[in-house]
Amino acid sequence: MLVLDFINVGNGDSALIRQMEGGEQRFAMLVDCGHDLLFRDDHPPLEDARSQRIYAGDFLKKNGVTHLDLLLLTHFHRDHIGGLGRVLEAVTVGELVASYFPPPDGGDLDPDGDNDLPKAARNLLRCVDLYARALRTHPGRAAVLTELAGDRMVCRQLTPELSLEIISGEPCLYPRQKAVYDAAFRGERSRYDLMHWGKLMNVSSLRQRLRYHGREIVLGGDAYAVLWDNDTTAPCDILKVPHHASLSSTSRKFLAQLQPKTAVVSVAAGRPDERPHPCIISLLREYAQEVYFTDAVDIPGLVEPVYHESVHLEVE
């Protein structure tokens, strides 16, 4: 049995995928780690005692997961990598896969120092600093670090029954990403480079397709719908909707290609930026038989809140 938990990390993404046999974990992977905060100060306060938001690391502990065979980071926005430190405190990792690793001698990036950078540039540095600090303060917790070049699809046979495809964005993005981040660790602060790459980070998001006993699960990361236009996209059974169901995340063409039976939206309730966007929710319901939300999203007349620690799905 394949057990999927799309964890309610509030603002962010984190999905635990486990193959179980007789109640025992045979294989486990985590895609992204959620935010470093469950309640963001730039979002409206959540004053609902029924909320079941949980850090990804705490969810792993609570469910008895002490080892991940694979940990995959789709990209380096704070709501995807902010929880990495808590995850590495909770578990050991066989292999950590990402499209960039900081230099071994890289120190703090000091995003809030006196650097005369605009907010967007400082936010980018803050994301990468959180990521680098988590790796630096938990040395050896991941046995193998695998950096993807982003120039081709990566195919893995994870178990005899479970396979994985990792789909990159435009190949030219990843050398650019490395150049910008490496320069930051050298102390270089290019306003243009930092701000420009900050706008491209979602475009570089890795996507995944899992296959298990003839069933297909697509995890869309934060990639926008347009990025799928040139892909040969086969129908799937379960779709983790890209980019928190923002207006740019999903299109009719995209859903007509994927034809998901079940759609899961990883999103914080009460976000002030129309994520999930009502138009995208309506579109999802045209195609998917079931649409779930990780947090207790409440949109009168469209979505009723459901309180849970994860969207829990099982695939036989």
C-alpha atoms as a PDB file:
ATOM      1  CA  MET A   1       0.000   0.000   0.000  1.00  0.00           C
ATOM      2  CA  LEU A   2       1.155   3.520  -0.807  1.00  0.00           C
ATOM      3  CA  VAL A   3       0.238   6.005   1.922  1.00  0.00           C
ATOM      4  CA  LEU A   4       0.241   9.719   1.084  1.00  0.00           C
ATOM      5  CA  ASP A   5       0.065  12.473   3.672  1.00  0.00           C
ATOM      6  CA  PHE A   6      -0.127  16.042   2.421  1.00  0.00           C
ATOM      7  CA  ILE A   7       0.789  17.663   5.716  1.00  0.00           C
ATOM      8  CA  ASN A   8      -1.062  20.691   7.053  1.00  0.00           C
ATOM      9  CA  VAL A   9       2.000  22.895   7.534  1.00  0.00           C
ATOM     10  CA  GLY A  10      -0.149  26.001   7.178  1.00  0.00           C
ATOM     11  CA  ASN A  11       1.550  28.181   4.608  1.00  0.00           C
ATOM     12  CA  GLY A  12       3.706  25.895   2.494  1.00  0.00           C
ATOM     13  CA  ASP A  13       4.174  22.429   1.097  1.00  0.00           C
ATOM     14  CA  SER A  14       5.236  19.110   2.564  1.00  0.00           C
ATOM     15  CA  ALA A  15       4.157  15.660   1.382  1.00  0.00           C
ATOM     16  CA  LEU A  16       5.094  12.337   2.992  1.00  0.00           C
ATOM     17  CA  ILE A  17       4.951   9.265   0.751  1.00  0.00           C
ATOM     18  CA  ARG A  18       5.360   5.833   2.332  1.00  0.00           C
ATOM     19  CA  GLN A  19       5.126   2.315   0.977  1.00  0.00           C
ATOM     20  CA  MET A  20       3.796   0.099   3.749  1.00  0.00           C
ATOM     21  CA  GLU A  21       3.662  -3.671   4.084  1.00  0.00           C
ATOM     22  CA  GLY A  22       1.890  -5.320   7.002  1.00  0.00           C
ATOM     23  CA  GLY A  23       1.925  -2.058   8.904  1.00  0.00           C
ATOM     24  CA  GLU A  24       5.699  -1.682   8.484  1.00  0.00           C
ATOM     25  CA  GLN A  25       7.381   1.109   6.552  1.00  0.00           C
ATOM     26  CA  ARG A  26       9.187  -0.287   3.527  1.00  0.00           C
ATOM     27  CA  PHE A  27      10.114   3.030   1.910  1.00  0.00           C
ATOM     28  CA  ALA A  28       9.575   6.678   2.839  1.00  0.00           C
ATOM     29  CA  MET A  29      10.181   9.936   1.049  1.00  0.00           C
ATOM     30  CA  LEU A  30       9.352  13.528   1.885  1.00  0.00           C
ATOM     31  CA  VAL A  31       8.846  16.220  -0.729  1.00  0.00           C
ATOM     32  CA  ASP A  32       9.521  19.662   0.787  1.00  0.00           C
ATOM     33  CA  CYS A  33       9.473  20.616   4.466  1.00  0.00           C
ATOM     34  CA  GLY A  34       6.985  23.457   4.868  1.00  0.00           C
ATOM     35  CA  HIS A  35       7.588  26.889   6.389  1.00  0.00           C
ATOM     36  CA  ASP A  36       9.608  27.625   9.522  1.00  0.00           C
ATOM     37  CA  LEU A  37       6.492  29.284  10.999  1.00  0.00           C
ATOM     38  CA  LEU A  38       2.974  27.871  11.321  1.00  0.00           C
ATOM     39  CA  PHE A  39       1.444  31.329  11.748  1.00  0.00           C
ATOM     40  CA  ARG A  40       2.984  34.069   9.640  1.00  0.00           C
ATOM     41  CA  ASP A  41       2.972  37.618  10.906  1.00  0.00           C
ATOM     42  CA  ASP A  42       2.193  38.959   7.425  1.00  0.00           C
ATOM     43  CA  HIS A  43      -1.014  36.905   7.242  1.00  0.00           C
ATOM     44  CA  PRO A  44      -4.202  37.514   9.243  1.00  0.00           C
ATOM     45  CA  PRO A  45      -3.979  35.920  12.720  1.00  0.00           C
ATOM     46  CA  LEU A  46      -5.480  32.456  12.983  1.00  0.00           C
ATOM     47  CA  GLU A  47      -7.679  32.456  16.059  1.00  0.00           C
ATOM     48  CA  ASP A  48      -9.348  29.085  15.693  1.00  0.00           C
ATOM     49  CA  ALA A  49      -8.732  26.523  18.414  1.00  0.00           C
ATOM     50  CA  ARG A  50      -9.689  23.771  15.973  1.00  0.00           C
ATOM     51  CA  SER A  51      -6.651  24.403  13.785  1.00  0.00           C
ATOM     52  CA  GLN A  52      -4.460  21.328  13.364  1.00  0.00           C
ATOM     53  CA  ARG A  53      -1.455  22.867  11.648  1.00  0.00           C
ATOM     54  CA  ILE A  54       1.732  20.983  12.424  1.00  0.00           C
ATOM     55  CA  TYR A  55       5.410  21.282  11.527  1.00  0.00           C
ATOM     56  CA  ALA A  56       6.561  18.615   9.084  1.00  0.00           C
ATOM     57  CA  GLY A  57       9.238  17.438  11.535  1.00  0.00           C
ATOM     58  CA  ASP A  58       6.667  17.072  14.300  1.00  0.00           C
ATOM     59  CA  PHE A  59       4.341  15.171  11.966  1.00  0.00           C
ATOM     60  CA  LEU A  60       7.141  12.707  11.201  1.00  0.00           C
ATOM     61  CA  LYS A  61       7.800  12.184  14.918  1.00  0.00           C
ATOM     62  CA  LYS A  62       4.124  11.765  15.702  1.00  0.00           C
ATOM     63  CA  ASN A  63       3.765   9.102  13.015  1.00  0.00           C
ATOM     64  CA  GLY A  64       6.843   7.156  14.080  1.00  0.00           C
ATOM     65  CA  VAL A  65       8.946   8.038  11.047  1.00  0.00           C
ATOM     66  CA  THR A  66      12.614   8.063  12.091  1.00  0.00           C
ATOM     67  CA  HIS A  67      14.239   7.607   8.676  1.00  0.00           C
ATOM     68  CA  LEU A  68      13.534   8.910   5.183  1.00  0.00           C
ATOM     69  CA  ASP A  69      15.005   7.034   2.264  1.00  0.00           C
ATOM     70  CA  LEU A  70      14.643  10.158   0.135  1.00  0.00           C
ATOM     71  CA  LEU A  71      14.108  13.832   0.885  1.00  0.00           C
ATOM     72  CA  LEU A  72      13.459  16.009  -2.154  1.00  0.00           C
ATOM     73  CA  LEU A  73      13.422  19.803  -2.158  1.00  0.00           C
ATOM     74  CA  THR A  74      11.567  21.274  -5.118  1.00  0.00           C
ATOM     75  CA  HIS A  75      13.001  24.808  -4.766  1.00  0.00           C
ATOM     76  CA  PHE A  76      14.162  27.227  -2.099  1.00  0.00           C
ATOM     77  CA  HIS A  77      11.238  29.408  -1.139  1.00  0.00           C
ATOM     78  CA  ARG A  78      10.819  29.663   2.613  1.00  0.00           C
ATOM     79  CA  ASP A  79       7.457  27.873   2.634  1.00  0.00           C
ATOM     80  CA  HIS A  80       9.112  24.783   1.121  1.00  0.00           C
ATOM     81  CA  ILE A  81      12.495  24.686   2.895  1.00  0.00           C
ATOM     82  CA  GLY A  82      11.888  26.640   6.111  1.00  0.00           C
ATOM     83  CA  GLY A  83      11.040  23.460   8.010  1.00  0.00           C
ATOM     84  CA  LEU A  84      14.168  21.581   6.896  1.00  0.00           C
ATOM     85  CA  GLY A  85      15.927  22.047  10.231  1.00  0.00           C
ATOM     86  CA  ARG A  86      13.041  20.483  12.169  1.00  0.00           C
ATOM     87  CA  VAL A  87      12.910  17.591   9.704  1.00  0.00           C
ATOM     88  CA  LEU A  88      16.631  16.888  10.071  1.00  0.00           C
ATOM     89  CA  GLU A  89      16.223  16.973  13.856  1.00  0.00           C
ATOM     90  CA  ALA A  90      13.468  14.367  13.611  1.00  0.00           C
ATOM     91  CA  VAL A  91      14.883  11.875  11.096  1.00  0.00           C
ATOM     92  CA  THR A  92      17.946  10.600   9.336  1.00  0.00           C
ATOM     93  CA  VAL A  93      17.933  10.798   5.554  1.00  0.00           C
ATOM     94  CA  GLY A  94      19.371   8.314   3.084  1.00  0.00           C
ATOM     95  CA  GLU A  95      19.551  10.801   0.211  1.00  0.00           C
ATOM     96  CA  LEU A  96      18.774  14.489  -0.018  1.00  0.00           C
ATOM     97  CA  VAL A  97      18.017  15.647  -3.558  1.00  0.00           C
ATOM     98  CA  ALA A  98      17.932  19.296  -4.605  1.00  0.00           C
ATOM     99  CA  SER A  99      18.897  21.511  -7.521  1.00  0.00           C
ATOM    100  CA  TYR A 100      21.512  23.389  -5.468  1.00  0.00           C
ATOM    101  CA  PHE A 101      23.702  22.874  -2.408  1.00  0.00           C
ATOM    102  CA  PRO A 102      25.576  25.697  -0.664  1.00  0.00           C
ATOM    103  CA  PRO A 103      29.378  25.641  -0.697  1.00  0.00           C
ATOM    104  CA  PRO A 104      30.792  23.697   2.279  1.00  0.00           C
ATOM    105  CA  ASP A 105      32.522  26.799   3.624  1.00  0.00           C
ATOM    106  CA  GLY A 106      29.523  29.085   3.098  1.00  0.00           C
ATOM    107  CA  GLY A 107      28.632  31.165   6.148  1.00  0.00           C
ATOM    108  CA  ASP A 108      25.608  33.255   7.096  1.00  0.00           C
ATOM    109  CA  LEU A 109      24.181  35.450   4.359  1.00  0.00           C
ATOM    110  CA  ASP A 110      23.008  38.111   6.839  1.00  0.00           C
ATOM    111  CA  PRO A 111      19.835  38.983   4.896  1.00  0.00           C
ATOM    112  CA  ASP A 112      18.785  41.650   7.418  1.00  0.00           C
ATOM    113  CA  GLY A 113      22.165  43.313   7.764  1.00  0.00           C
ATOM    114  CA  ASP A 114      23.046  46.774   6.542  1.00  0.00           C
ATOM    115  CA  ASN A 115      23.223  45.713   2.900  1.00  0.00           C
ATOM    116  CA  ASP A 116      21.115  48.434   1.211  1.00  0.00           C
ATOM    117  CA  LEU A 117      19.108  45.788  -0.658  1.00  0.00           C
ATOM    118  CA  PRO A 118      15.414  46.016  -1.542  1.00  0.00           C
ATOM    119  CA  LYS A 119      12.959  43.812   0.305  1.00  0.00           C
ATOM    120  CA  ALA A 120      12.655  41.271  -2.524  1.00  0.00           C
ATOM    121  CA  ALA A 121      16.408  40.699  -2.596  1.00  0.00           C
ATOM    122  CA  ARG A 122      16.591  40.352   1.181  1.00  0.00           C
ATOM    123  CA  ASN A 123      13.724  37.859   1.133  1.00  0.00           C
ATOM    124  CA  LEU A 124      15.619  35.729  -1.367  1.00  0.00           C
ATOM    125  CA  LEU A 125      18.748  35.801   0.789  1.00  0.00           C
ATOM    126  CA  ARG A 126      16.648  34.880   3.822  1.00  0.00           C
ATOM    127  CA  CYS A 127      15.295  31.773   2.075  1.00  0.00           C
ATOM    128  CA  VAL A 128      18.727  30.540   1.016  1.00  0.00           C
ATOM    129  CA  ASP A 129      20.186  31.398   4.427  1.00  0.00           C
ATOM    130  CA  LEU A 130      17.527  29.278   6.185  1.00  0.00           C
ATOM    131  CA  TYR A 131      18.316  26.384   3.867  1.00  0.00           C
ATOM    132  CA  ALA A 132      22.087  26.639   4.306  1.00  0.00           C
ATOM    133  CA  ARG A 133      21.838  27.038   8.068  1.00  0.00           C
ATOM    134  CA  ALA A 134      19.687  23.903   8.394  1.00  0.00           C
ATOM    135  CA  LEU A 135      22.293  21.869   6.506  1.00  0.00           C
ATOM    136  CA  ARG A 136      25.177  23.416   8.419  1.00  0.00           C
ATOM    137  CA  THR A 137      23.687  22.821  11.876  1.00  0.00           C
ATOM    138  CA  HIS A 138      22.708  19.209  11.156  1.00  0.00           C
ATOM    139  CA  PRO A 139      25.828  17.742   9.538  1.00  0.00           C
ATOM    140  CA  GLY A 140      25.693  14.092   8.604  1.00  0.00           C
ATOM    141  CA  ARG A 141      21.919  13.728   9.016  1.00  0.00           C
ATOM    142  CA  ALA A 142      21.676  13.167   5.250  1.00  0.00           C
ATOM    143  CA  ALA A 143      24.030  10.419   4.112  1.00  0.00           C
ATOM    144  CA  VAL A 144      24.110  11.430   0.442  1.00  0.00           C
ATOM    145  CA  LEU A 145      23.583  14.850  -1.149  1.00  0.00           C
ATOM    146  CA  THR A 146      22.558  14.725  -4.806  1.00  0.00           C
ATOM    147  CA  GLU A 147      22.533  17.954  -6.812  1.00  0.00           C
ATOM    148  CA  LEU A 148      20.463  17.779  -9.991  1.00  0.00           C
ATOM    149  CA  ALA A 149      21.798  19.619 -13.006  1.00  0.00           C
ATOM    150  CA  GLY A 150      18.272  20.287 -14.262  1.00  0.00           C
ATOM    151  CA  ASP A 151      19.158  19.367 -17.834  1.00  0.00           C
ATOM    152  CA  ARG A 152      17.124  16.168 -18.080  1.00  0.00           C
ATOM    153  CA  MET A 153      14.336  14.165 -16.502  1.00  0.00           C
ATOM    154  CA  VAL A 154      15.581  11.944 -13.676  1.00  0.00           C
ATOM    155  CA  CYS A 155      14.007   8.488 -13.403  1.00  0.00           C
ATOM    156  CA  ARG A 156      14.306   6.381 -10.270  1.00  0.00           C
ATOM    157  CA  GLN A 157      13.000   2.935  -9.389  1.00  0.00           C
ATOM    158  CA  LEU A 158      12.451   3.457  -5.679  1.00  0.00           C
ATOM    159  CA  THR A 159      11.076  -0.016  -4.944  1.00  0.00           C
ATOM    160  CA  PRO A 160      10.012  -2.819  -7.312  1.00  0.00           C
ATOM    161  CA  GLU A 161       6.491  -1.326  -7.245  1.00  0.00           C
ATOM    162  CA  LEU A 162       7.203   2.394  -6.957  1.00  0.00           C
ATOM    163  CA  SER A 163       8.948   4.602  -9.517  1.00  0.00           C
ATOM    164  CA  LEU A 164       9.672   8.313  -9.610  1.00  0.00           C
ATOM    165  CA  GLU A 165      10.268  10.866 -12.346  1.00  0.00           C
ATOM    166  CA  ILE A 166      11.730  14.258 -11.426  1.00  0.00           C
ATOM    167  CA  ILE A 167      10.952  16.898 -14.037  1.00  0.00           C
ATOM    168  CA  SER A 168      12.965  20.108 -14.169  1.00  0.00           C
ATOM    169  CA  GLY A 169      12.097  23.465 -15.662  1.00  0.00           C
ATOM    170  CA  GLU A 170      14.022  25.154 -18.453  1.00  0.00           C
ATOM    171  CA  PRO A 171      17.608  23.765 -18.305  1.00  0.00           C
ATOM    172  CA  CYS A 172      19.237  27.198 -18.571  1.00  0.00           C
ATOM    173  CA  LEU A 173      17.733  28.173 -15.213  1.00  0.00           C
ATOM    174  CA  TYR A 174      19.882  25.959 -13.010  1.00  0.00           C
ATOM    175  CA  PRO A 175      23.360  27.253 -13.919  1.00  0.00           C
ATOM    176  CA  ARG A 176      21.949  30.746 -13.371  1.00  0.00           C
ATOM    177  CA  GLN A 177      20.592  29.723  -9.971  1.00  0.00           C
ATOM    178  CA  LYS A 178      23.985  28.345  -8.966  1.00  0.00           C
ATOM    179  CA  ALA A 179      25.791  31.487 -10.103  1.00  0.00           C
ATOM    180  CA  VAL A 180      23.470  33.782  -8.124  1.00  0.00           C
ATOM    181  CA  TYR A 181      23.578  31.717  -4.928  1.00  0.00           C
ATOM    182  CA  ASP A 182      27.329  31.059  -5.076  1.00  0.00           C
ATOM    183  CA  ALA A 183      27.942  34.783  -5.537  1.00  0.00           C
ATOM    184  CA  ALA A 184      25.823  35.506  -2.465  1.00  0.00           C
ATOM    185  CA  PHE A 185      27.914  33.111  -0.382  1.00  0.00           C
ATOM    186  CA  ARG A 186      31.046  34.894  -1.625  1.00  0.00           C
ATOM    187  CA  GLY A 187      29.615  38.109  -0.212  1.00  0.00           C
ATOM    188  CA  GLU A 188      28.544  39.612  -3.536  1.00  0.00           C
ATOM    189  CA  ARG A 189      25.242  41.499  -3.443  1.00  0.00           C
ATOM    190  CA  SER A 190      23.872  42.250  -6.898  1.00  0.00           C
ATOM    191  CA  ARG A 191      20.476  43.903  -6.519  1.00  0.00           C
ATOM    192  CA  TYR A 192      19.477  43.008 -10.071  1.00  0.00           C
ATOM    193  CA  ASP A 193      20.592  39.368  -9.915  1.00  0.00           C
ATOM    194  CA  LEU A 194      18.924  38.702  -6.576  1.00  0.00           C
ATOM    195  CA  MET A 195      15.647  40.363  -7.507  1.00  0.00           C
ATOM    196  CA  HIS A 196      15.560  38.805 -10.973  1.00  0.00           C
ATOM    197  CA  TRP A 197      16.229  35.309  -9.677  1.00  0.00           C
ATOM    198  CA  GLY A 198      13.631  35.783  -6.961  1.00  0.00           C
ATOM    199  CA  LYS A 199      11.039  36.160  -9.704  1.00  0.00           C
ATOM    200  CA  LEU A 200      12.250  32.964 -11.387  1.00  0.00           C
ATOM    201  CA  MET A 201      12.423  30.664  -8.388  1.00  0.00           C
ATOM    202  CA  ASN A 202       8.972  29.108  -8.907  1.00  0.00           C
ATOM    203  CA  VAL A 203       9.790  28.541 -12.573  1.00  0.00           C
ATOM    204  CA  SER A 204      12.747  26.408 -11.489  1.00  0.00           C
ATOM    205  CA  SER A 205      10.588  24.258  -9.186  1.00  0.00           C
ATOM    206  CA  LEU A 206      11.070  20.523  -9.637  1.00  0.00           C
ATOM    207  CA  ARG A 207       7.969  18.465 -10.391  1.00  0.00           C
ATOM    208  CA  GLN A 208       7.422  14.765  -9.712  1.00  0.00           C
ATOM    209  CA  ARG A 209       5.414  11.900 -11.119  1.00  0.00           C
ATOM    210  CA  LEU A 210       5.095   8.722  -9.056  1.00  0.00           C
ATOM    211  CA  ARG A 211       3.839   5.408 -10.427  1.00  0.00           C
ATOM    212  CA  TYR A 212       2.563   2.645  -8.178  1.00  0.00           C
ATOM    213  CA  HIS A 213       0.617  -0.449  -9.331  1.00  0.00           C
ATOM    214  CA  GLY A 214      -0.658   1.376 -12.401  1.00  0.00           C
ATOM    215  CA  ARG A 215      -1.711   4.475 -10.453  1.00  0.00           C
ATOM    216  CA  GLU A 216      -0.066   7.835 -11.084  1.00  0.00           C
ATOM    217  CA  ILE A 217       0.516  10.704  -8.667  1.00  0.00           C
ATOM    218  CA  VAL A 218       1.710  14.108  -9.887  1.00  0.00           C
ATOM    219  CA  LEU A 219       3.288  16.566  -7.449  1.00  0.00           C
ATOM    220  CA  GLY A 220       3.372  19.963  -9.102  1.00  0.00           C
ATOM    221  CA  GLY A 221       5.704  21.888  -6.784  1.00  0.00           C
ATOM    222  CA  ASP A 222       5.249  25.605  -7.408  1.00  0.00           C
ATOM    223  CA  ALA A 223       5.549  25.372 -11.192  1.00  0.00           C
ATOM    224  CA  TYR A 224       3.052  27.506 -13.111  1.00  0.00           C
ATOM    225  CA  ALA A 225       0.598  25.922 -15.529  1.00  0.00           C
ATOM    226  CA  VAL A 226       2.399  27.305 -18.572  1.00  0.00           C
ATOM    227  CA  LEU A 227       5.474  25.216 -17.731  1.00  0.00           C
ATOM    228  CA  TRP A 228       3.565  22.047 -18.528  1.00  0.00           C
ATOM    229  CA  ASP A 229       2.617  23.147 -22.049  1.00  0.00           C
ATOM    230  CA  ASN A 230       5.620  21.510 -23.724  1.00  0.00           C
ATOM    231  CA  ASP A 231       5.491  18.322 -21.661  1.00  0.00           C
ATOM    232  CA  THR A 232       3.915  15.075 -22.727  1.00  0.00           C
ATOM    233  CA  THR A 233       1.479  15.016 -19.843  1.00  0.00           C
ATOM    234  CA  ALA A 234      -0.466  11.795 -19.316  1.00  0.00           C
ATOM    235  CA  PRO A 235      -3.562  11.552 -17.104  1.00  0.00           C
ATOM    236  CA  CYS A 236      -3.018  10.955 -13.391  1.00  0.00           C
ATOM    237  CA  ASP A 237      -5.014   9.670 -10.449  1.00  0.00           C
ATOM    238  CA  ILE A 238      -3.865  12.199  -7.840  1.00  0.00           C
ATOM    239  CA  LEU A 239      -2.629  15.743  -8.416  1.00  0.00           C
ATOM    240  CA  LYS A 240      -0.958  17.956  -5.831  1.00  0.00           C
ATOM    241  CA  VAL A 241      -2.067  21.227  -7.385  1.00  0.00           C
ATOM    242  CA  PRO A 242       0.861  23.517  -8.219  1.00  0.00           C
ATOM    243  CA  HIS A 243       1.583  26.752  -6.364  1.00  0.00           C
ATOM    244  CA  HIS A 244      -1.188  26.592  -3.759  1.00  0.00           C
ATOM    245  CA  ALA A 245      -3.908  26.899  -6.437  1.00  0.00           C
ATOM    246  CA  SER A 246      -2.957  30.452  -7.346  1.00  0.00           C
ATOM    247  CA  LEU A 247      -4.501  31.918 -10.488  1.00  0.00           C
ATOM    248  CA  SER A 248      -1.355  31.141 -12.516  1.00  0.00           C
ATOM    249  CA  SER A 249      -1.025  27.593 -11.172  1.00  0.00           C
ATOM    250  CA  THR A 250      -3.617  25.793 -13.211  1.00  0.00           C
ATOM    251  CA  SER A 251      -5.363  26.101 -16.548  1.00  0.00           C
ATOM    252  CA  ARG A 252      -8.113  24.271 -18.365  1.00  0.00           C
ATOM    253  CA  LYS A 253      -5.547  22.917 -20.828  1.00  0.00           C
ATOM    254  CA  PHE A 254      -3.402  21.637 -17.969  1.00  0.00           C
ATOM    255  CA  LEU A 255      -6.325  19.859 -16.290  1.00  0.00           C
ATOM    256  CA  ALA A 256      -7.605  18.471 -19.590  1.00  0.00           C
ATOM    257  CA  GLN A 257      -4.206  16.818 -20.034  1.00  0.00           C
ATOM    258  CA  LEU A 258      -3.895  15.474 -16.492  1.00  0.00           C
ATOM    259  CA  GLN A 259      -7.564  14.631 -15.838  1.00  0.00           C
ATOM    260  CA  PRO A 260      -6.952  14.044 -12.115  1.00  0.00           C
ATOM    261  CA  LYS A 261      -9.475  11.988 -10.183  1.00  0.00           C
ATOM    262  CA  THR A 262      -8.320  13.574  -6.906  1.00  0.00           C
ATOM    263  CA  ALA A 263      -6.783  17.011  -6.402  1.00  0.00           C
ATOM    264  CA  VAL A 264      -5.028  18.201  -3.251  1.00  0.00           C
ATOM    265  CA  VAL A 265      -4.313  21.869  -2.542  1.00  0.00           C
ATOM    266  CA  SER A 266      -1.576  22.617  -0.021  1.00  0.00           C
ATOM    267  CA  VAL A 267      -2.438  26.054   1.325  1.00  0.00           C
ATOM    268  CA  ALA A 268      -2.949  28.037   4.520  1.00  0.00           C
ATOM    269  CA  ALA A 269      -6.492  29.022   5.430  1.00  0.00           C
ATOM    270  CA  GLY A 270      -7.107  32.738   5.333  1.00  0.00           C
ATOM    271  CA  ARG A 271      -4.225  33.678   3.053  1.00  0.00           C
ATOM    272  CA  PRO A 272      -4.668  37.292   1.930  1.00  0.00           C
ATOM    273  CA  ASP A 273      -3.488  36.717  -1.660  1.00  0.00           C
ATOM    274  CA  GLU A 274      -6.304  34.612  -3.164  1.00  0.00           C
ATOM    275  CA  ARG A 275      -4.535  31.301  -2.744  1.00  0.00           C
ATOM    276  CA  PRO A 276      -6.513  29.208  -3.354  1.00  0.00           C
ATOM    277  CA  HIS A 277      -8.126  31.295  -6.060  1.00  0.00           C
ATOM    278  CA  PRO A 278     -11.909  30.745  -6.336  1.00  0.00           C
ATOM    279  CA  CYS A 279     -11.678  30.423 -10.125  1.00  0.00           C
ATOM    280  CA  ILE A 280      -9.107  27.639  -9.830  1.00  0.00           C
ATOM    281  CA  ILE A 281     -11.203  25.798  -7.242  1.00  0.00           C
ATOM    282  CA  SER A 282     -14.189  25.931  -9.590  1.00  0.00           C
ATOM    283  CA  LEU A 283     -12.032  24.684 -12.455  1.00  0.00           C
ATOM    284  CA  LEU A 284     -10.640  21.829 -10.368  1.00  0.00           C
ATOM    285  CA  ARG A 285     -14.145  20.703  -9.505  1.00  0.00           C
ATOM    286  CA  GLU A 286     -15.014  20.459 -13.180  1.00  0.00           C
ATOM    287  CA  TYR A 287     -12.325  17.807 -13.650  1.00  0.00           C
ATOM    288  CA  ALA A 288     -11.590  16.132 -10.313  1.00  0.00           C
ATOM    289  CA  GLN A 289     -14.046  13.954  -8.452  1.00  0.00           C
ATOM    290  CA  GLU A 290     -12.556  15.033  -5.121  1.00  0.00           C
ATOM    291  CA  VAL A 291     -10.767  18.248  -4.108  1.00  0.00           C
ATOM    292  CA  TYR A 292      -9.035  18.429  -0.715  1.00  0.00           C
ATOM    293  CA  PHE A 293      -7.269  21.221   1.152  1.00  0.00           C
ATOM    294  CA  THR A 294      -4.514  20.710   3.694  1.00  0.00           C
ATOM    295  CA  ASP A 295      -5.704  23.536   5.942  1.00  0.00           C
ATOM    296  CA  ALA A 296      -9.229  24.505   6.956  1.00  0.00           C
ATOM    297  CA  VAL A 297      -9.967  26.714   3.951  1.00  0.00           C
ATOM    298  CA  ASP A 298     -13.298  28.503   4.301  1.00  0.00           C
ATOM    299  CA  ILE A 299     -14.782  30.192   1.237  1.00  0.00           C
ATOM    300  CA  PRO A 300     -18.546  30.664   1.743  1.00  0.00           C
ATOM    301  CA  GLY A 301     -20.541  28.922  -0.941  1.00  0.00           C
ATOM    302  CA  LEU A 302     -17.466  27.204  -2.356  1.00  0.00           C
ATOM    303  CA  VAL A 303     -15.370  25.469   0.334  1.00  0.00           C
ATOM    304  CA  GLU A 304     -16.325  24.304   3.817  1.00  0.00           C
ATOM    305  CA  PRO A 305     -13.463  24.086   6.346  1.00  0.00           C
ATOM    306  CA  VAL A 306     -12.108  20.659   7.303  1.00  0.00           C
ATOM    307  CA  TYR A 307      -9.738  20.396  10.262  1.00  0.00           C
ATOM    308  CA  HIS A 308      -7.004  17.781   9.985  1.00  0.00           C
ATOM    309  CA  GLU A 309      -3.228  17.364  10.300  1.00  0.00           C
ATOM    310  CA  SER A 310      -2.961  16.025   6.765  1.00  0.00           C
ATOM    311  CA  VAL A 311      -4.880  15.022   3.702  1.00  0.00           C
ATOM    312  CA  HIS A 312      -4.406  11.274   4.078  1.00  0.00           C
ATOM    313  CA  LEU A 313      -4.793   9.128   0.960  1.00  0.00           C
ATOM    314  CA  GLU A 314      -4.111   5.436   0.420  1.00  0.00           C
ATOM    315  CA  VAL A 315      -3.363   3.748  -2.885  1.00  0.00           C
ATOM    316  CA  GLU A 316      -3.627  -0.037  -3.118  1.00  0.00           C
END
